[in-house]
Amino acid sequence: MKIGISNLKGGVGKTTVAQNLAVCLAHVGYKVCIVDTDRNQNTISWIAEREETLPKILAVGLTDSKALSSAVDQLDRDNDFVILDGTPSLSEMTTRIILASDLLIVPVLPSGHDIRSMQLFFERFEQAKEFRQDIPIYFFINQFSDSIKLHQSIRELLNDFGVGVMETRFNRRVAYAETSVNGKGVLEHTDEKAAAEVTNFTKEVLEIARKLGFVQN
């Protein structure tokens, strides 16, 4: 199954979501690959720091949009899950990630600016739907805080876009930043609350995958 993690805006946590989902799926026993499409290749640097004793995750750097589809199809044959770590740009790569994905997850920060910026993404999404209609898409709320009033209404604001909003969210936690540089996921960190968030998120992704027919039982 191919899962795209995409948003045209930078800093929303695409790589954080991709890495932690991959780690949790690997711990469950799935064979997982992350495709890093960003020219900064942060996931490639992250995987280089990963300890050999931890569950194995394959990371592939791929910044040529024209090569994406065929490369991802091959990786999909060799892995249970291929996670596409998207690039923050209004580029052909974004369109190809949308079209290549069996499930599209759009991380978003709970801020007015981030909500407004989604208009550009959905313009690109609608263009992609001219080539393929059935693209399952869900928002995922990142860096949530119960103490900020706007965050309480974020789900209601996202519902206006007419697509799914995942029940799970990642709260603001240091663990996500710390593990982004040491090759780990928060499941392998000491922060139990962060680990619980990622575990619940992964369970929700797997449930969606079951409904779409990609995962049995």
Protein backbone atom coordinates (compact mmCIF):
# COMPACT_ATOMS: atom_id res chain seq x y z
CA MET A 1 0.00 0.00 0.00
CA LYS A 2 1.24 3.48 -0.91
CA ILE A 3 0.57 6.26 1.61
CA GLY A 4 1.29 9.84 0.56
CA ILE A 5 2.08 12.42 3.25
CA SER A 6 1.60 15.74 1.49
CA ASN A 7 0.95 19.44 1.96
CA LEU A 8 2.23 22.38 -0.08
CA LYS A 9 3.14 24.24 3.10
CA GLY A 10 6.44 23.59 4.83
CA GLY A 11 6.82 23.04 8.57
CA VAL A 12 3.54 21.16 9.08
CA GLY A 13 5.21 17.88 10.09
CA LYS A 14 5.10 15.76 6.93
CA THR A 15 8.44 14.13 7.72
CA THR A 16 7.55 13.70 11.40
CA VAL A 17 4.34 11.91 10.44
CA ALA A 18 6.06 9.77 7.77
CA GLN A 19 8.91 8.68 10.03
CA ASN A 20 6.77 7.86 13.05
CA LEU A 21 4.19 5.98 11.01
CA ALA A 22 6.99 3.96 9.41
CA VAL A 23 8.54 3.13 12.79
CA CYS A 24 5.25 2.01 14.28
CA LEU A 25 4.36 -0.14 11.25
CA ALA A 26 7.83 -1.72 11.38
CA HIS A 27 7.37 -2.58 15.05
CA VAL A 28 4.06 -4.27 14.24
CA GLY A 29 5.95 -6.45 11.76
CA TYR A 30 5.25 -4.85 8.40
CA LYS A 31 7.93 -4.37 5.76
CA VAL A 32 8.14 -0.60 5.32
CA CYS A 33 9.84 1.82 2.93
CA ILE A 34 9.92 5.63 3.07
CA VAL A 35 10.42 7.54 -0.18
CA ASP A 36 12.00 10.92 0.56
CA THR A 37 11.03 13.34 -2.23
CA ASP A 38 12.37 16.51 -0.61
CA ARG A 39 15.68 17.84 -1.93
CA ASN A 40 16.86 18.33 1.67
CA GLN A 41 16.68 14.53 2.12
CA ASN A 42 16.00 14.78 5.85
CA THR A 43 14.62 11.25 6.07
CA ILE A 44 17.72 9.85 4.38
CA SER A 45 19.84 11.61 7.03
CA TRP A 46 17.51 10.32 9.76
CA ILE A 47 17.71 6.70 8.60
CA ALA A 48 21.52 6.89 8.55
CA GLU A 49 21.40 7.50 12.33
CA ARG A 50 19.10 4.56 12.99
CA GLU A 51 20.57 1.81 15.17
CA GLU A 52 20.87 -1.65 13.60
CA THR A 53 19.11 -3.23 16.59
CA LEU A 54 15.87 -1.37 15.79
CA PRO A 55 13.28 -2.69 13.30
CA LYS A 56 14.54 -2.17 9.77
CA ILE A 57 13.07 0.57 7.58
CA LEU A 58 14.18 1.13 4.00
CA ALA A 59 14.61 4.77 2.94
CA VAL A 60 14.93 5.80 -0.70
CA GLY A 61 15.74 9.31 -1.90
CA LEU A 62 13.83 10.21 -5.05
CA THR A 63 13.61 13.81 -6.27
CA ASP A 64 12.94 13.16 -9.98
CA SER A 65 9.17 13.50 -10.36
CA LYS A 66 9.17 11.67 -13.70
CA ALA A 67 10.71 8.58 -12.07
CA LEU A 68 8.37 8.53 -9.09
CA SER A 69 5.51 6.41 -10.39
CA SER A 70 7.53 3.49 -11.73
CA ALA A 71 9.94 3.51 -8.77
CA VAL A 72 7.12 3.55 -6.23
CA ASP A 73 5.27 0.74 -8.03
CA GLN A 74 8.39 -1.43 -7.78
CA LEU A 75 8.88 -0.58 -4.11
CA ASP A 76 5.21 -1.35 -3.50
CA ARG A 77 5.73 -4.87 -4.84
CA ASP A 78 8.62 -5.43 -2.43
CA ASN A 79 7.11 -3.85 0.71
CA ASP A 80 3.87 -3.94 2.69
CA PHE A 81 3.80 -0.14 2.97
CA VAL A 82 5.50 2.59 0.94
CA ILE A 83 5.26 5.98 2.64
CA LEU A 84 5.80 8.99 0.37
CA ASP A 85 7.34 11.86 2.35
CA GLY A 86 6.18 14.84 0.31
CA THR A 87 7.93 18.03 -0.67
CA PRO A 88 6.56 21.48 0.32
CA SER A 89 6.23 23.00 -3.13
CA LEU A 90 3.67 23.62 -5.85
CA SER A 91 5.46 21.25 -8.21
CA GLU A 92 4.86 18.31 -10.51
CA MET A 93 6.17 16.08 -7.71
CA THR A 94 3.19 17.01 -5.53
CA THR A 95 0.76 16.01 -8.28
CA ARG A 96 2.56 12.72 -8.85
CA ILE A 97 2.51 11.92 -5.12
CA ILE A 98 -1.25 12.55 -5.05
CA LEU A 99 -1.81 10.29 -8.06
CA ALA A 100 0.51 7.54 -6.78
CA SER A 101 -1.09 7.28 -3.34
CA ASP A 102 -3.62 4.67 -2.27
CA LEU A 103 -4.23 6.90 0.74
CA LEU A 104 -3.34 10.58 1.10
CA ILE A 105 -2.71 12.07 4.54
CA VAL A 106 -2.42 15.86 4.80
CA PRO A 107 -0.75 17.07 8.01
CA VAL A 108 -1.93 20.51 9.05
CA LEU A 109 -1.12 22.80 11.95
CA PRO A 110 -4.09 24.21 13.92
CA SER A 111 -3.66 27.83 12.83
CA GLY A 112 -5.68 30.21 10.70
CA HIS A 113 -2.78 30.74 8.31
CA ASP A 114 -2.40 27.01 7.74
CA ILE A 115 -6.12 26.56 7.10
CA ARG A 116 -6.11 29.39 4.55
CA SER A 117 -3.07 27.93 2.78
CA MET A 118 -4.96 24.70 2.12
CA GLN A 119 -6.76 26.35 -0.78
CA LEU A 120 -3.70 26.00 -3.01
CA PHE A 121 -3.29 22.35 -2.08
CA PHE A 122 -6.88 21.56 -2.93
CA GLU A 123 -6.57 23.32 -6.27
CA ARG A 124 -3.72 20.92 -7.05
CA PHE A 125 -5.73 18.01 -5.63
CA GLU A 126 -8.70 18.80 -7.87
CA GLN A 127 -6.39 18.96 -10.89
CA ALA A 128 -5.05 15.51 -10.01
CA LYS A 129 -8.61 14.17 -9.74
CA GLU A 130 -9.04 14.88 -13.47
CA PHE A 131 -6.75 11.87 -13.99
CA ARG A 132 -7.96 9.73 -11.07
CA GLN A 133 -11.20 10.28 -9.19
CA ASP A 134 -10.96 7.86 -6.26
CA ILE A 135 -8.19 9.30 -4.06
CA PRO A 136 -8.94 8.71 -0.34
CA ILE A 137 -7.76 11.79 1.59
CA TYR A 138 -7.66 12.68 5.29
CA PHE A 139 -6.44 15.66 7.28
CA PHE A 140 -4.15 14.96 10.21
CA ILE A 141 -3.79 17.58 12.96
CA ASN A 142 -0.23 18.10 14.20
CA GLN A 143 1.20 20.14 17.12
CA PHE A 144 -2.14 20.41 18.88
CA SER A 145 -2.45 22.16 22.23
CA ASP A 146 -5.49 21.97 24.53
CA SER A 147 -4.57 25.35 26.03
CA ILE A 148 -4.98 27.31 22.79
CA LYS A 149 -8.57 28.32 22.05
CA LEU A 150 -8.29 28.20 18.24
CA HIS A 151 -7.10 24.60 18.41
CA GLN A 152 -10.42 23.57 19.95
CA SER A 153 -12.30 24.53 16.77
CA ILE A 154 -9.77 23.23 14.25
CA ARG A 155 -11.69 20.06 13.39
CA GLU A 156 -14.81 22.07 12.64
CA LEU A 157 -12.85 24.39 10.34
CA LEU A 158 -11.28 21.45 8.48
CA ASN A 159 -14.67 19.81 8.00
CA ASP A 160 -15.55 22.70 5.67
CA PHE A 161 -13.21 21.20 3.06
CA GLY A 162 -15.45 18.15 2.76
CA VAL A 163 -12.80 15.48 3.39
CA GLY A 164 -12.06 13.20 6.33
CA VAL A 165 -10.30 14.38 9.49
CA MET A 166 -8.40 11.71 11.42
CA GLU A 167 -9.48 11.28 15.04
CA THR A 168 -5.90 10.96 16.30
CA ARG A 169 -3.60 13.98 16.52
CA PHE A 170 -0.04 14.70 17.60
CA ASN A 171 0.31 17.16 20.47
CA ARG A 172 3.20 19.56 20.94
CA ARG A 173 5.94 17.40 22.44
CA VAL A 174 9.73 17.64 22.58
CA ALA A 175 9.98 13.93 21.78
CA TYR A 176 9.04 14.52 18.15
CA ALA A 177 11.93 16.95 17.67
CA GLU A 178 14.43 14.83 19.59
CA THR A 179 13.78 11.65 17.65
CA SER A 180 13.90 13.45 14.29
CA VAL A 181 17.71 13.64 14.57
CA ASN A 182 18.63 10.29 16.10
CA GLY A 183 17.02 7.82 13.72
CA LYS A 184 14.23 6.84 16.09
CA GLY A 185 10.49 7.25 16.33
CA VAL A 186 8.75 8.37 19.50
CA LEU A 187 7.65 4.77 19.98
CA GLU A 188 11.33 4.11 20.73
CA HIS A 189 11.61 7.17 23.00
CA THR A 190 10.87 7.62 26.71
CA ASP A 191 7.78 9.81 26.20
CA GLU A 192 4.90 7.39 26.74
CA LYS A 193 2.24 9.94 25.78
CA ALA A 194 3.88 10.59 22.42
CA ALA A 195 4.25 6.84 21.88
CA ALA A 196 0.53 6.39 22.60
CA GLU A 197 -0.36 9.09 20.04
CA VAL A 198 1.68 7.41 17.32
CA THR A 199 0.29 3.97 18.21
CA ASN A 200 -3.28 5.25 17.97
CA PHE A 201 -2.52 7.07 14.73
CA THR A 202 -1.07 3.89 13.21
CA LYS A 203 -4.10 1.87 14.33
CA GLU A 204 -6.33 4.42 12.63
CA VAL A 205 -4.29 4.26 9.42
CA LEU A 206 -4.49 0.47 9.45
CA GLU A 207 -8.25 0.62 9.96
CA ILE A 208 -8.57 2.89 6.92
CA ALA A 209 -6.32 0.49 5.01
CA ARG A 210 -8.62 -2.40 5.95
CA LYS A 211 -11.68 -0.51 4.73
CA LEU A 212 -9.89 0.18 1.44
CA GLY A 213 -8.99 -3.50 1.10
CA PHE A 214 -5.23 -3.24 1.49
CA VAL A 215 -4.94 -4.95 4.89
CA GLN A 216 -6.66 -8.15 5.98
CA ASN A 217 -7.98 -8.78 9.54
